[in-house]
Amino acid sequence: MNMENRFLQLVPLVCFTVMAIAAAGLMIGIAGMLPAGIIWPGIGRDYLVTLALAGMGIVISFLHLGKRERFLRAAVGIKHSWLSREVIAAGVFFVSTGCGYIFIKTGQAALSDLAAAAAFIAAVYMTWTIGMVYNIPGRFTWEGFPNTAAPLLISLLLGSHRLIIISGSRKSLFEWLFFLMWLVDFLMALSRAKVFRSRMENKYTFVFPHLLFPTRAGHMARLVLSFTMMTMAIFSWSSPILFMIIGNIILDRLCFYAGAVEVSPKSEIASRKAERMKEAVMK
């Protein structure tokens, strides 16, 4: 299978993670306002957009799994598999968000708050599992923190922006939360760009070597877009910032998957040593 086809097989996975992270961010914005008893005119639309993103992401993810039995295996190993936890969290998120929309439309405030709280927890956990699925060796490490935390950080960045827009207030706690999330996300993105450059210079074997230049350009574009977004936010919380955050989510996921490493220099050296030891024993 050529490299182009291998990457095209990842497109449904990229679409799912982008839509899931965006939906989580929108839900964080919704859930952050409901405890204060604030019902804004566009709450129904916000719920529907969140549901549409989550639903389309889940449907598209089936194209990546390919076979029904793979989905069933992915769903039942919740005790040991982060992929299973991701599948369950996405399902809980979609159902609780749908219930929240129904309760809002039927005027059941207490139940809508409960559903929004469940969706908020599912959103945070879902974005964390997205980062943990590809964390080697399947547990949290500080070395892998930038990759692990990226989906959650960007969803919190989007959520805090929505809170500012919905509340209509500047110089608030939401604004400080946005600046904090932006700073952490920017530093993590900078760290990941440096790691990618270091791997290129140290002759790592990449899964998609033909995408090295686009991936490096993607890392730089993400940093430039993030800096531009913050510059605009200082003066105005206009709608382009929302689309810039969405753009950052897309670039983040594309760079993550396109920059995957197949073999590191250390593993190659270890493999050669093992071969030499085997030859020596055979002699």
Protein backbone atom coordinates (compact mmCIF):
# COMPACT_ATOMS: atom_id res chain seq x y z
CA MET A 1 0.00 0.00 0.00
CA ASN A 2 1.51 3.36 -1.03
CA MET A 3 1.93 6.28 1.35
CA GLU A 4 -0.89 8.34 -0.15
CA ASN A 5 -3.42 5.57 0.40
CA ARG A 6 -2.17 4.97 3.95
CA PHE A 7 -2.72 8.61 4.84
CA LEU A 8 -6.10 8.76 3.09
CA GLN A 9 -7.23 5.94 5.37
CA LEU A 10 -6.61 8.30 8.29
CA VAL A 11 -8.89 11.04 6.89
CA PRO A 12 -12.01 9.71 8.70
CA LEU A 13 -10.00 9.63 11.94
CA VAL A 14 -8.83 13.21 11.41
CA CYS A 15 -12.42 14.31 10.69
CA PHE A 16 -13.75 12.54 13.78
CA THR A 17 -11.17 14.06 16.14
CA VAL A 18 -11.59 17.56 14.68
CA MET A 19 -15.39 17.41 14.99
CA ALA A 20 -15.25 15.83 18.45
CA ILE A 21 -12.86 18.48 19.79
CA ALA A 22 -14.93 21.31 18.26
CA ALA A 23 -18.18 19.85 19.64
CA ALA A 24 -16.59 19.46 23.07
CA GLY A 25 -15.49 23.10 23.04
CA LEU A 26 -18.97 24.31 22.10
CA MET A 27 -20.52 22.16 24.84
CA ILE A 28 -18.08 23.56 27.41
CA GLY A 29 -19.31 27.02 26.45
CA ILE A 30 -22.96 25.98 26.84
CA ALA A 31 -22.45 24.14 30.13
CA GLY A 32 -20.48 27.04 31.61
CA MET A 33 -23.45 29.40 31.35
CA LEU A 34 -26.37 27.21 32.44
CA PRO A 35 -25.52 27.03 36.19
CA ALA A 36 -26.00 30.80 36.32
CA GLY A 37 -29.53 30.35 34.99
CA ILE A 38 -28.71 32.23 31.77
CA ILE A 39 -30.74 31.15 28.70
CA TRP A 40 -29.63 33.11 25.64
CA PRO A 41 -31.60 33.35 22.34
CA GLY A 42 -29.17 31.16 20.40
CA ILE A 43 -28.91 28.29 22.89
CA GLY A 44 -30.99 25.96 20.71
CA ARG A 45 -28.78 26.68 17.70
CA ASP A 46 -25.64 26.09 19.79
CA TYR A 47 -26.99 22.73 20.92
CA LEU A 48 -27.89 21.72 17.36
CA VAL A 49 -24.45 22.66 15.99
CA THR A 50 -22.81 20.70 18.80
CA LEU A 51 -25.04 17.69 18.13
CA ALA A 52 -24.39 17.89 14.38
CA LEU A 53 -20.61 17.97 14.84
CA ALA A 54 -20.64 15.11 17.34
CA GLY A 55 -23.05 13.02 15.27
CA MET A 56 -21.17 13.51 11.99
CA GLY A 57 -17.88 12.74 13.72
CA ILE A 58 -19.22 9.47 15.11
CA VAL A 59 -20.67 8.43 11.74
CA ILE A 60 -17.44 9.28 9.90
CA SER A 61 -15.39 7.35 12.45
CA PHE A 62 -17.08 4.13 11.27
CA LEU A 63 -15.29 4.60 7.93
CA HIS A 64 -11.97 4.40 9.77
CA LEU A 65 -12.94 1.26 11.68
CA GLY A 66 -14.07 -0.34 8.43
CA LYS A 67 -15.65 -3.49 9.89
CA ARG A 68 -18.46 -3.74 12.44
CA GLU A 69 -16.58 -6.24 14.62
CA ARG A 70 -13.76 -3.71 15.05
CA PHE A 71 -16.24 -1.24 16.52
CA LEU A 72 -17.53 -3.91 18.91
CA ARG A 73 -13.98 -4.74 20.02
CA ALA A 74 -13.24 -1.05 20.46
CA ALA A 75 -16.33 -0.59 22.64
CA VAL A 76 -15.90 -3.50 25.07
CA GLY A 77 -12.31 -3.09 26.27
CA ILE A 78 -12.94 -0.06 28.47
CA LYS A 79 -10.93 -1.45 31.38
CA HIS A 80 -7.65 -1.58 29.49
CA SER A 81 -8.04 0.39 26.26
CA TRP A 82 -8.07 4.18 25.81
CA LEU A 83 -9.69 3.63 22.41
CA SER A 84 -12.61 1.90 24.14
CA ARG A 85 -12.89 4.78 26.60
CA GLU A 86 -12.87 7.23 23.70
CA VAL A 87 -15.72 5.35 21.98
CA ILE A 88 -17.82 5.21 25.18
CA ALA A 89 -17.11 8.87 26.05
CA ALA A 90 -18.15 9.98 22.54
CA GLY A 91 -21.41 8.04 22.85
CA VAL A 92 -22.18 9.45 26.31
CA PHE A 93 -21.35 12.95 25.08
CA PHE A 94 -23.72 12.67 22.11
CA VAL A 95 -26.60 11.24 24.16
CA SER A 96 -26.27 13.73 27.04
CA THR A 97 -26.02 16.66 24.62
CA GLY A 98 -29.15 15.45 22.83
CA CYS A 99 -30.98 15.14 26.15
CA GLY A 100 -29.88 18.65 27.09
CA TYR A 101 -31.34 20.03 23.87
CA ILE A 102 -34.66 18.24 24.44
CA PHE A 103 -34.89 19.47 28.05
CA ILE A 104 -34.11 23.05 27.03
CA LYS A 105 -36.80 22.96 24.35
CA THR A 106 -39.36 21.51 26.78
CA GLY A 107 -38.52 24.02 29.53
CA GLN A 108 -37.20 21.52 32.07
CA ALA A 109 -34.43 23.64 33.57
CA ALA A 110 -33.29 21.23 36.31
CA LEU A 111 -32.97 18.30 33.89
CA SER A 112 -31.22 20.46 31.28
CA ASP A 113 -28.62 21.52 33.86
CA LEU A 114 -28.07 17.87 34.79
CA ALA A 115 -27.69 16.83 31.16
CA ALA A 116 -25.34 19.75 30.47
CA ALA A 117 -23.18 18.74 33.45
CA ALA A 118 -23.01 15.17 32.14
CA ALA A 119 -22.13 16.43 28.65
CA PHE A 120 -19.45 18.71 30.10
CA ILE A 121 -17.79 15.83 31.99
CA ALA A 122 -18.04 13.59 28.91
CA ALA A 123 -16.57 16.36 26.72
CA VAL A 124 -13.54 16.85 28.98
CA TYR A 125 -12.96 13.11 29.29
CA MET A 126 -13.48 12.49 25.57
CA THR A 127 -10.87 15.05 24.56
CA TRP A 128 -8.45 13.60 27.12
CA THR A 129 -8.95 10.09 25.70
CA ILE A 130 -8.31 11.41 22.16
CA GLY A 131 -4.88 12.51 23.38
CA MET A 132 -4.24 9.31 25.34
CA VAL A 133 -5.16 6.83 22.56
CA TYR A 134 -1.79 7.27 20.82
CA ASN A 135 0.25 7.83 23.95
CA ILE A 136 2.96 5.17 24.14
CA PRO A 137 3.05 3.02 26.30
CA GLY A 138 -0.63 3.78 26.96
CA ARG A 139 -0.20 5.78 30.14
CA PHE A 140 0.38 9.42 30.98
CA THR A 141 3.98 10.69 30.73
CA TRP A 142 5.34 14.22 30.96
CA GLU A 143 7.30 13.62 27.77
CA GLY A 144 4.08 12.96 25.89
CA PHE A 145 2.10 15.70 27.66
CA PRO A 146 2.00 18.18 24.71
CA ASN A 147 0.42 15.55 22.44
CA THR A 148 -1.85 14.17 25.17
CA ALA A 149 -3.17 17.53 26.37
CA ALA A 150 -3.57 19.24 22.98
CA PRO A 151 -7.19 18.13 22.26
CA LEU A 152 -8.36 19.10 25.76
CA LEU A 153 -6.53 22.44 25.73
CA ILE A 154 -7.97 23.51 22.37
CA SER A 155 -11.49 22.49 23.41
CA LEU A 156 -11.13 24.57 26.60
CA LEU A 157 -9.83 27.46 24.48
CA LEU A 158 -12.90 27.24 22.24
CA GLY A 159 -15.19 26.87 25.25
CA SER A 160 -13.79 29.92 26.99
CA HIS A 161 -14.23 31.97 23.79
CA ARG A 162 -17.87 30.89 23.58
CA LEU A 163 -18.37 31.89 27.23
CA ILE A 164 -17.06 35.37 26.47
CA ILE A 165 -19.31 35.74 23.42
CA ILE A 166 -22.42 34.40 25.20
CA SER A 167 -21.91 36.47 28.36
CA GLY A 168 -21.04 39.58 26.35
CA SER A 169 -18.66 40.76 29.05
CA ARG A 170 -15.00 41.73 28.88
CA LYS A 171 -12.51 41.84 31.76
CA SER A 172 -14.22 38.78 33.22
CA LEU A 173 -13.04 35.42 34.55
CA PHE A 174 -13.84 33.92 31.15
CA GLU A 175 -11.41 36.30 29.48
CA TRP A 176 -8.61 35.35 31.86
CA LEU A 177 -9.41 31.68 31.28
CA PHE A 178 -9.10 32.23 27.53
CA PHE A 179 -5.72 33.94 27.88
CA LEU A 180 -4.46 31.17 30.15
CA MET A 181 -5.64 28.39 27.80
CA TRP A 182 -4.14 30.22 24.84
CA LEU A 183 -0.76 30.60 26.57
CA VAL A 184 -0.57 26.93 27.58
CA ASP A 185 -1.75 25.76 24.16
CA PHE A 186 0.76 28.03 22.38
CA LEU A 187 3.65 26.76 24.51
CA MET A 188 2.61 23.15 23.92
CA ALA A 189 2.34 23.77 20.16
CA LEU A 190 5.79 25.38 20.19
CA SER A 191 7.18 22.37 22.05
CA ARG A 192 5.67 19.96 19.54
CA ALA A 193 7.08 21.95 16.61
CA LYS A 194 10.54 21.78 18.18
CA VAL A 195 10.23 18.03 18.78
CA PHE A 196 9.19 17.48 15.16
CA ARG A 197 12.15 19.51 13.90
CA SER A 198 14.51 17.61 16.19
CA ARG A 199 13.22 14.28 14.89
CA MET A 200 13.80 15.41 11.31
CA GLU A 201 17.35 16.45 12.11
CA ASN A 202 18.05 13.18 13.98
CA LYS A 203 16.95 11.02 11.06
CA TYR A 204 13.84 9.46 12.56
CA THR A 205 11.90 7.18 10.23
CA PHE A 206 8.49 8.75 9.61
CA VAL A 207 5.37 6.90 8.57
CA PHE A 208 4.68 9.53 5.88
CA PRO A 209 8.10 10.82 4.74
CA HIS A 210 6.59 12.57 1.72
CA LEU A 211 4.62 14.81 4.11
CA LEU A 212 7.56 16.11 6.13
CA PHE A 213 7.64 19.55 4.52
CA PRO A 214 3.83 20.09 4.66
CA THR A 215 3.84 18.92 8.29
CA ARG A 216 6.62 21.32 9.23
CA ALA A 217 4.75 24.13 7.43
CA GLY A 218 1.60 23.10 9.31
CA HIS A 219 3.35 23.46 12.67
CA MET A 220 4.53 26.94 11.69
CA ALA A 221 1.08 27.91 10.39
CA ARG A 222 -0.47 26.78 13.68
CA LEU A 223 1.87 29.02 15.66
CA VAL A 224 1.29 32.00 13.35
CA LEU A 225 -2.48 31.52 13.42
CA SER A 226 -2.47 31.21 17.21
CA PHE A 227 -0.41 34.39 17.63
CA THR A 228 -2.65 36.29 15.19
CA MET A 229 -5.72 35.09 17.07
CA MET A 230 -4.40 36.41 20.37
CA THR A 231 -3.48 39.75 18.81
CA MET A 232 -7.04 40.11 17.52
CA ALA A 233 -8.50 39.06 20.88
CA ILE A 234 -6.76 41.94 22.63
CA PHE A 235 -8.88 44.37 20.62
CA SER A 236 -12.08 42.46 19.80
CA TRP A 237 -13.78 39.10 20.42
CA SER A 238 -15.12 39.00 16.87
CA SER A 239 -16.31 35.84 15.11
CA PRO A 240 -13.05 35.37 13.09
CA ILE A 241 -11.43 34.22 16.33
CA LEU A 242 -13.86 31.29 16.48
CA PHE A 243 -12.85 30.20 12.97
CA MET A 244 -9.18 30.65 13.84
CA ILE A 245 -9.62 28.25 16.77
CA ILE A 246 -11.33 25.76 14.42
CA GLY A 247 -8.42 26.22 12.01
CA ASN A 248 -6.00 25.49 14.84
CA ILE A 249 -7.87 22.28 15.65
CA ILE A 250 -7.61 21.13 12.02
CA LEU A 251 -3.89 21.98 11.78
CA ASP A 252 -3.21 20.33 15.12
CA ARG A 253 -4.76 17.01 14.09
CA LEU A 254 -3.23 17.01 10.61
CA CYS A 255 0.26 17.69 11.98
CA PHE A 256 -0.18 15.06 14.68
CA TYR A 257 -1.08 12.23 12.30
CA ALA A 258 1.12 13.30 9.37
CA GLY A 259 4.15 13.58 11.69
CA ALA A 260 3.82 10.06 13.09
CA VAL A 261 7.15 8.29 13.69
CA GLU A 262 7.58 4.69 12.59
CA VAL A 263 11.11 3.97 13.82
CA SER A 264 13.44 6.06 15.98
CA PRO A 265 17.26 5.96 15.66
CA LYS A 266 17.46 4.35 19.10
CA SER A 267 15.15 1.51 18.11
CA GLU A 268 17.15 0.95 14.91
CA ILE A 269 20.38 0.74 16.91
CA ALA A 270 18.79 -1.68 19.37
CA SER A 271 17.53 -3.82 16.49
CA ARG A 272 20.99 -3.97 14.91
CA LYS A 273 22.56 -4.89 18.25
CA ALA A 274 20.03 -7.69 18.68
CA GLU A 275 20.81 -9.00 15.21
CA ARG A 276 24.55 -8.97 15.92
CA MET A 277 24.01 -10.79 19.21
CA LYS A 278 21.89 -13.39 17.44
CA GLU A 279 24.61 -13.89 14.80
CA ALA A 280 27.27 -14.25 17.50
CA VAL A 281 25.24 -16.89 19.33
CA MET A 282 24.57 -18.81 16.10
CA LYS A 283 28.30 -18.97 15.38
